[in-house]
Structure formats: C-alpha cells, structure tokens
Amino acid sequence: MQNNSVFIRRWLRRGVSLSVLVLAGVVTSQGSHRFNILSAANQPWLTLGSSAYAQEAYDWAQIEQDIITVQNQVRQDPASLIPLLEERLANMNDEGVISCGPNCRPIQTQEGRPAVQEAIDFLRQQAAVSTLEASPNVAQAAKAHAQDQASGSMGHDGSDGSTTAQRIGRTGALYVSSGENIAYGPSTGQRVVLDLIVDDGVPSRGHRTNIFDPSWTHTGAGCGPHAGYRIVCVINYIRFTTQLNVVNNGSVNLESVTLGEINILGDALAPGETREITLREDQCEGSLGLQMSGYLPASMASRMVCGSTLTVNPNNGFRLSSQ
C-alpha cells in the first residue's frame, strides 16, 4: 500500500513570489523507499522560516476533520470535486501557474494544465468506493508524525526511524495493511485532498491511489506547524477486518482450528471446501492449533489472524498469509 508526500516550496521568478508544488516519489509498504524531489530547473529555492507565518493561527482539528470529510465525499461521489478542479484549470496559465486572488500566492506546478485535466477525466470515470471510518488510533499516529516533523523534517520515516506501520501499531490499532499520504503547505482540508488527487509531478499518481483505494477501511489525519513549509498534514490509512478465510486444498478433512483453546472452525472442513470465519476483535491475534484427520496436532506461533487466509496445501501442509 502506498505512502506518499506532497511538498510546497517558494521561489522568485521575474520578481514575483510564487509557491511551487513539488511531489515526492512513492513509498510502498511492500517495497523500498523512493524519495525523489522534483524541482523546477535553474530556479533558486527559498527556505520558508516559521517566523514568516508566526502571526497565522490554524484550527488544526478543523483541518483534520475537513480532510476526512472531503476524502469521504470524493470516494462516495468522485465527480463532486470536478467543479473545483475546473476552476483551478481556468485560473492556470500556459506556464502552469495557478492564480488564486490578491490574498493568495500563485502556485507554480510541475505538469501544468495537463495534470489537472487528467484528474478531471479520472474523476469522471472513477466508480464510487466505500467511505472510510475515522479512527482515533489512526489519527493519533498521524498526529504524532506531524508533530515529529514540526522542526522541518520531511518524509515517512520518523525521527526515531519508525515506519508508518510501526507508528500505527504503537497506538494499539489492529490492521491488516497500512498507508500514508503527507502534504506540506496546503492550509485547508479541501486543498490537501485536491492536490493529492491531481498528484502533479508523480507519474504513478500514488497519492490519488491511496485516496481511492477500496481496500482501506479506516483513516485518520493529523496536522501541525512545520518550520519549512508552514503546515504539514499526515493522512494514515488502514485496512481492518475480523475475517479469517480457511481453504482446505488437502487430501483429508481439517477437523478443527483452535484459537485460544476455542475451536473456531466449527464443523470439519472437507477437501476442496472453503470457509469464512468471523472473529471477535479480541481474537485477532494469537496462536492457531490445527487437527487434520490421521495427523498429529500442529500449531502455529502467535500472529495476526484477522484478515488472513489459512490454507492447507495438497500435501496437507499449511500456511497463514495476509489477504
């Protein structure tokens, strides 16, 4: 599952103060870290000091709530944000600079108008996906990472070397998979989500993928001040389910599957049969015991059971894998 970051910097061009939207490369929970900053060629970068925005106050809780609300809105009704992107397109010149009024700094994009139009086309054909449940634990992990970056650090690794998954795990949240988006600069929940959907400068559109990933079940956002970019907002995602799938591809009956000394299988599972078992949350982690007809009992070390598939192979061996 993907973890992505959005960065905003400022630079001077022809004497005009501009904001430049810069997108980092994609990090996946299954793959290696790629952190590629795309910059405008031959332009002087200016570091934003926190003092430049010392007088600005933000309602972080409101921004965080707006992120969750807008995400769910666009997941349920993808076309609902098209008018806002059409407005952005109308305010963008041929050089990819977005004008946004007298009290707003223009934005210099990487791809310009094509990226916005591509996002509009995407939303027109994107099917609705289920909304995400707000999770206090997931939000806690997001907030902790945002606060950890207040001094100006960036990226998905915590100052203690922690990963997204580790930070979420520390809160006690149970999950099968996790992901993370990070936005540096946008000051409203709506703007955060819009920028991630356009995904300017990221060919894979990995931020957008996270927003519309149908496998996520819960989300949480955490925002705070950032010394370099004024604002950082972290959005975490998890997939959680209490289902355990059991597949018997063996040659004999699977007589029982015990978890905490309770037979969760019920009736024996014959060769070729599959069964979906709904567990309680307090049963999601533990050691499994198995009994196959004609075999000695076997056991598996304690691990995450919810969201997994227990498979018996044709040789009557077995493995537990994440769905």
Protein backbone atom coordinates (compact mmCIF):
# COMPACT_ATOMS: atom_id res chain seq x y z
CA MET A 1 0.00 0.00 0.00
CA GLN A 2 1.26 3.36 -0.88
CA ASN A 3 2.75 6.14 1.23
CA ASN A 4 3.21 9.47 -0.45
CA SER A 5 4.22 13.05 0.32
CA VAL A 6 3.40 16.43 -1.14
CA PHE A 7 5.80 19.33 -0.74
CA ILE A 8 5.32 23.04 -1.38
CA ARG A 9 8.25 25.43 -1.73
CA ARG A 10 8.62 29.06 -2.78
CA TRP A 11 10.86 30.64 -5.35
CA LEU A 12 11.33 34.01 -7.10
CA ARG A 13 10.62 34.27 -10.79
CA ARG A 14 10.66 37.54 -12.68
CA GLY A 15 10.32 39.33 -9.35
CA VAL A 16 7.06 37.54 -8.44
CA SER A 17 6.70 35.43 -5.29
CA LEU A 18 5.38 32.02 -6.27
CA SER A 19 4.57 28.79 -4.48
CA VAL A 20 5.82 25.69 -6.24
CA LEU A 21 4.04 22.37 -5.83
CA VAL A 22 6.60 19.59 -5.65
CA LEU A 23 5.65 15.95 -5.25
CA ALA A 24 7.87 13.29 -3.76
CA GLY A 25 8.23 9.77 -5.05
CA VAL A 26 6.16 6.87 -3.82
CA VAL A 27 6.88 4.66 -0.84
CA THR A 28 5.08 1.34 -0.57
CA SER A 29 4.76 -0.86 2.46
CA GLN A 30 5.88 -3.83 0.39
CA GLY A 31 8.70 -2.10 -1.46
CA SER A 32 11.77 0.03 -0.94
CA HIS A 33 11.84 3.74 -0.17
CA ARG A 34 11.94 6.09 -3.15
CA PHE A 35 12.18 9.75 -2.21
CA ASN A 36 12.69 11.77 -5.37
CA ILE A 37 12.16 15.53 -5.13
CA LEU A 38 11.24 17.07 -8.49
CA SER A 39 12.36 20.70 -8.73
CA ALA A 40 11.93 23.45 -11.29
CA ALA A 41 15.13 23.63 -13.29
CA ASN A 42 17.55 26.52 -12.72
CA GLN A 43 15.45 28.24 -10.07
CA PRO A 44 16.69 29.47 -6.65
CA TRP A 45 14.89 27.79 -3.77
CA LEU A 46 13.96 29.79 -0.68
CA THR A 47 13.57 28.08 2.67
CA LEU A 48 10.42 29.12 4.49
CA GLY A 49 11.17 30.05 8.10
CA SER A 50 8.46 29.59 10.71
CA SER A 51 8.72 33.27 11.63
CA ALA A 52 7.24 34.24 8.28
CA TYR A 53 3.95 32.75 9.38
CA ALA A 54 4.16 33.42 13.10
CA GLN A 55 1.01 35.54 13.05
CA GLU A 56 -1.12 32.88 11.34
CA ALA A 57 -3.24 30.65 13.55
CA TYR A 58 -4.86 27.44 12.36
CA ASP A 59 -7.65 25.32 13.73
CA TRP A 60 -5.82 22.03 13.33
CA ALA A 61 -8.77 19.93 14.48
CA GLN A 62 -10.99 21.54 11.85
CA ILE A 63 -8.45 20.99 9.05
CA GLU A 64 -8.08 17.35 10.11
CA GLN A 65 -11.84 16.84 10.16
CA ASP A 66 -12.21 18.53 6.77
CA ILE A 67 -9.63 16.18 5.26
CA ILE A 68 -11.66 13.16 6.41
CA THR A 69 -14.92 14.74 5.23
CA VAL A 70 -13.63 15.68 1.77
CA GLN A 71 -11.95 12.30 1.31
CA ASN A 72 -15.20 10.52 2.04
CA GLN A 73 -17.14 12.91 -0.16
CA VAL A 74 -14.96 12.25 -3.18
CA ARG A 75 -14.78 8.50 -2.54
CA GLN A 76 -18.57 8.34 -2.47
CA ASP A 77 -19.11 10.86 -5.30
CA PRO A 78 -15.91 11.26 -7.34
CA ALA A 79 -17.45 13.82 -9.71
CA SER A 80 -18.30 16.16 -6.82
CA LEU A 81 -14.85 17.80 -6.89
CA ILE A 82 -14.75 18.31 -10.66
CA PRO A 83 -16.07 21.92 -10.43
CA LEU A 84 -13.20 22.85 -8.11
CA LEU A 85 -10.65 21.35 -10.49
CA GLU A 86 -12.30 23.10 -13.44
CA GLU A 87 -11.96 26.34 -11.52
CA ARG A 88 -8.28 25.56 -10.92
CA LEU A 89 -7.84 24.85 -14.61
CA ALA A 90 -9.49 28.15 -15.54
CA ASN A 91 -7.10 30.01 -13.23
CA MET A 92 -3.97 28.34 -14.63
CA ASN A 93 -1.91 29.93 -17.39
CA ASP A 94 0.03 28.16 -20.12
CA GLU A 95 3.16 28.07 -17.93
CA GLY A 96 1.35 26.07 -15.25
CA VAL A 97 0.98 28.93 -12.76
CA ILE A 98 -2.28 28.99 -10.80
CA SER A 99 -3.60 32.44 -9.92
CA CYS A 100 -5.70 32.49 -6.78
CA GLY A 101 -6.61 36.09 -6.00
CA PRO A 102 -4.98 39.12 -4.34
CA ASN A 103 -4.54 37.47 -0.93
CA CYS A 104 -3.09 34.21 -2.20
CA ARG A 105 0.36 33.35 -3.55
CA PRO A 106 0.29 31.96 -7.11
CA ILE A 107 1.20 28.29 -7.43
CA GLN A 108 3.82 27.03 -9.89
CA THR A 109 3.01 23.45 -10.88
CA GLN A 110 5.25 20.86 -12.48
CA GLU A 111 2.98 19.45 -15.18
CA GLY A 112 0.66 22.40 -15.64
CA ARG A 113 -2.79 22.14 -17.19
CA PRO A 114 -2.50 18.52 -18.46
CA ALA A 115 -2.29 17.12 -14.92
CA VAL A 116 -5.43 18.96 -13.82
CA GLN A 117 -7.34 17.89 -16.92
CA GLU A 118 -6.18 14.30 -16.40
CA ALA A 119 -7.51 14.42 -12.83
CA ILE A 120 -10.86 15.73 -14.08
CA ASP A 121 -11.06 12.91 -16.63
CA PHE A 122 -10.17 10.41 -13.91
CA LEU A 123 -12.93 11.64 -11.60
CA ARG A 124 -15.49 11.42 -14.42
CA GLN A 125 -14.88 7.72 -14.86
CA GLN A 126 -13.93 6.70 -11.30
CA ALA A 127 -16.52 4.46 -9.63
CA ALA A 128 -17.66 5.25 -6.12
CA VAL A 129 -15.95 3.36 -3.30
CA SER A 130 -16.99 2.96 0.31
CA THR A 131 -16.38 5.75 2.79
CA LEU A 132 -13.71 5.37 5.46
CA GLU A 133 -14.39 5.24 9.16
CA ALA A 134 -12.48 7.78 11.22
CA SER A 135 -10.21 6.01 13.70
CA PRO A 136 -8.88 7.87 16.76
CA ASN A 137 -5.91 5.48 16.92
CA VAL A 138 -5.01 6.03 13.26
CA ALA A 139 -5.39 9.78 13.73
CA GLN A 140 -3.13 9.58 16.79
CA ALA A 141 -0.38 8.02 14.69
CA ALA A 142 -0.81 10.68 12.00
CA LYS A 143 -0.72 13.49 14.55
CA ALA A 144 2.40 12.09 16.19
CA HIS A 145 4.23 12.08 12.86
CA ALA A 146 3.09 15.62 12.05
CA GLN A 147 4.34 16.83 15.43
CA ASP A 148 7.59 14.95 14.94
CA GLN A 149 8.21 16.99 11.78
CA ALA A 150 7.44 20.40 13.28
CA SER A 151 11.14 21.36 13.24
CA GLY A 152 11.28 20.96 9.47
CA SER A 153 11.97 17.28 8.72
CA MET A 154 10.12 15.53 5.92
CA GLY A 155 9.22 12.09 4.67
CA HIS A 156 7.65 8.92 6.04
CA ASP A 157 10.42 7.87 8.44
CA GLY A 158 10.07 9.16 11.99
CA SER A 159 12.97 10.82 13.80
CA ASP A 160 13.34 7.55 15.72
CA GLY A 161 13.47 5.57 12.48
CA SER A 162 9.86 4.39 12.78
CA THR A 163 7.77 3.42 9.79
CA THR A 164 4.11 4.23 9.19
CA ALA A 165 3.13 0.72 10.21
CA GLN A 166 5.13 0.90 13.43
CA ARG A 167 3.61 4.24 14.42
CA ILE A 168 0.10 2.94 13.84
CA GLY A 169 0.91 -0.24 15.76
CA ARG A 170 2.08 1.77 18.76
CA THR A 171 -1.43 3.17 19.20
CA GLY A 172 -2.85 -0.31 19.67
CA ALA A 173 -4.73 -0.23 16.36
CA LEU A 174 -5.25 -3.61 14.72
CA TYR A 175 -4.84 -3.65 10.96
CA VAL A 176 -4.00 -5.86 8.00
CA SER A 177 -2.29 -3.21 5.87
CA SER A 178 -1.50 0.48 6.15
CA GLY A 179 -0.59 3.52 4.07
CA GLU A 180 0.25 7.18 4.41
CA ASN A 181 -0.04 10.46 2.49
CA ILE A 182 1.74 13.60 3.67
CA ALA A 183 1.02 17.15 2.47
CA TYR A 184 3.34 20.08 3.18
CA GLY A 185 1.90 23.52 2.60
CA PRO A 186 -1.87 23.39 1.89
CA SER A 187 -3.82 25.10 4.66
CA THR A 188 -7.30 23.63 4.15
CA GLY A 189 -8.58 20.07 4.11
CA GLN A 190 -10.13 20.62 0.70
CA ARG A 191 -6.85 21.88 -0.78
CA VAL A 192 -4.93 18.93 0.70
CA VAL A 193 -7.27 16.42 -0.96
CA LEU A 194 -7.40 18.28 -4.28
CA ASP A 195 -3.61 18.45 -4.53
CA LEU A 196 -3.30 14.75 -3.76
CA ILE A 197 -5.88 13.87 -6.40
CA VAL A 198 -4.12 15.90 -9.10
CA ASP A 199 -0.81 14.40 -7.95
CA ASP A 200 1.19 16.88 -10.01
CA GLY A 201 4.69 15.58 -10.80
CA VAL A 202 4.06 11.96 -9.77
CA PRO A 203 3.51 9.77 -12.86
CA SER A 204 2.16 6.86 -10.80
CA ARG A 205 -0.49 9.09 -9.17
CA GLY A 206 0.23 7.17 -5.99
CA HIS A 207 -1.36 9.77 -3.68
CA ARG A 208 -4.58 9.52 -5.64
CA THR A 209 -4.41 5.74 -5.46
CA ASN A 210 -4.37 5.91 -1.67
CA ILE A 211 -7.40 8.21 -1.59
CA PHE A 212 -9.47 5.90 -3.80
CA ASP A 213 -8.10 2.54 -2.64
CA PRO A 214 -11.22 0.43 -1.98
CA SER A 215 -9.40 -1.85 0.45
CA TRP A 216 -8.95 0.81 3.14
CA THR A 217 -11.50 0.70 5.94
CA HIS A 218 -10.28 3.39 8.39
CA THR A 219 -8.41 6.67 8.19
CA GLY A 220 -7.09 9.44 10.40
CA ALA A 221 -5.41 12.80 9.82
CA GLY A 222 -3.03 14.86 11.90
CA CYS A 223 -1.82 18.37 11.08
CA GLY A 224 0.51 20.88 12.70
CA PRO A 225 3.05 23.64 12.11
CA HIS A 226 6.12 22.99 10.00
CA ALA A 227 9.24 25.12 10.15
CA GLY A 228 9.98 24.76 6.46
CA TYR A 229 6.58 24.68 4.82
CA ARG A 230 4.29 26.32 7.38
CA ILE A 231 1.91 23.34 7.61
CA VAL A 232 2.23 19.57 7.49
CA CYS A 233 -0.75 17.23 7.29
CA VAL A 234 -0.34 13.47 7.61
CA ILE A 235 -3.10 11.11 6.49
CA ASN A 236 -2.92 7.47 7.54
CA TYR A 237 -4.97 4.59 6.16
CA ILE A 238 -5.53 1.06 7.36
CA ARG A 239 -7.45 -2.00 6.31
CA PHE A 240 -9.00 -3.92 9.16
CA THR A 241 -11.26 -6.94 9.07
CA THR A 242 -12.14 -9.66 11.56
CA GLN A 243 -12.50 -12.27 8.82
CA LEU A 244 -10.35 -15.40 8.63
CA ASN A 245 -10.59 -17.47 5.46
CA VAL A 246 -9.84 -21.17 5.70
CA VAL A 247 -9.11 -23.10 2.50
CA ASN A 248 -8.67 -26.88 2.54
CA ASN A 249 -6.80 -27.96 -0.57
CA GLY A 250 -5.54 -31.07 1.22
CA SER A 251 -6.49 -34.72 0.87
CA VAL A 252 -8.15 -35.19 4.27
CA ASN A 253 -10.60 -33.34 6.49
CA LEU A 254 -9.48 -30.36 8.53
CA GLU A 255 -11.12 -31.39 11.78
CA SER A 256 -10.52 -28.26 13.89
CA VAL A 257 -8.77 -24.91 14.10
CA THR A 258 -8.29 -23.71 17.64
CA LEU A 259 -7.56 -20.17 18.76
CA GLY A 260 -7.14 -19.61 22.46
CA GLU A 261 -8.30 -23.20 23.05
CA ILE A 262 -11.57 -22.47 21.21
CA ASN A 263 -12.42 -24.37 18.04
CA ILE A 264 -13.24 -21.51 15.67
CA LEU A 265 -13.72 -23.81 12.68
CA GLY A 266 -16.92 -25.47 13.85
CA ASP A 267 -17.70 -28.47 11.71
CA ALA A 268 -14.90 -30.26 9.89
CA LEU A 269 -13.83 -28.79 6.56
CA ALA A 270 -13.68 -31.38 3.77
CA PRO A 271 -11.07 -31.35 0.97
CA GLY A 272 -11.90 -28.66 -1.62
CA GLU A 273 -14.01 -26.62 0.77
CA THR A 274 -13.54 -23.02 1.89
CA ARG A 275 -14.97 -21.30 4.94
CA GLU A 276 -15.04 -17.68 6.09
CA ILE A 277 -14.93 -17.24 9.85
CA THR A 278 -15.89 -14.03 11.62
CA LEU A 279 -13.79 -13.47 14.73
CA ARG A 280 -14.10 -11.08 17.63
CA GLU A 281 -11.58 -8.26 17.86
CA ASP A 282 -10.04 -9.87 20.94
CA GLN A 283 -9.37 -12.98 18.84
CA CYS A 284 -7.47 -11.16 16.10
CA GLU A 285 -4.03 -12.12 17.39
CA GLY A 286 -2.98 -15.47 18.81
CA SER A 287 -1.63 -18.98 18.22
CA LEU A 288 -3.50 -21.39 15.97
CA GLY A 289 -3.79 -25.11 16.53
CA LEU A 290 -4.76 -27.44 13.68
CA GLN A 291 -6.02 -31.02 13.60
CA MET A 292 -6.07 -32.91 10.30
CA SER A 293 -7.64 -36.36 10.01
CA GLY A 294 -4.97 -39.01 10.58
CA TYR A 295 -2.29 -36.48 11.58
CA LEU A 296 -0.83 -35.37 14.88
CA PRO A 297 -1.98 -31.92 16.07
CA ALA A 298 0.05 -29.00 14.77
CA SER A 299 0.39 -25.41 15.95
CA MET A 300 1.44 -22.02 14.59
CA ALA A 301 3.17 -19.27 16.53
CA SER A 302 1.14 -16.27 17.66
CA ARG A 303 0.49 -13.72 14.94
CA MET A 304 -2.22 -11.60 13.32
CA VAL A 305 -5.11 -13.86 12.42
CA CYS A 306 -7.78 -11.37 11.36
CA GLY A 307 -7.56 -10.51 7.68
CA SER A 308 -5.59 -13.67 6.94
CA THR A 309 -6.11 -16.85 4.94
CA LEU A 310 -5.26 -20.26 6.39
CA THR A 311 -4.51 -22.62 3.51
CA VAL A 312 -3.94 -26.37 3.60
CA ASN A 313 -1.96 -27.44 0.54
CA PRO A 314 -2.28 -30.71 -1.42
CA ASN A 315 0.44 -32.28 0.74
CA ASN A 316 -1.58 -31.37 3.86
CA GLY A 317 0.92 -28.71 4.86
CA PHE A 318 -0.44 -25.34 5.88
CA ARG A 319 0.37 -21.64 5.91
CA LEU A 320 -1.22 -18.43 7.17
CA SER A 321 -0.97 -15.46 4.82
CA SER A 322 -2.36 -11.95 4.78
CA GLN A 323 -5.27 -11.39 2.44
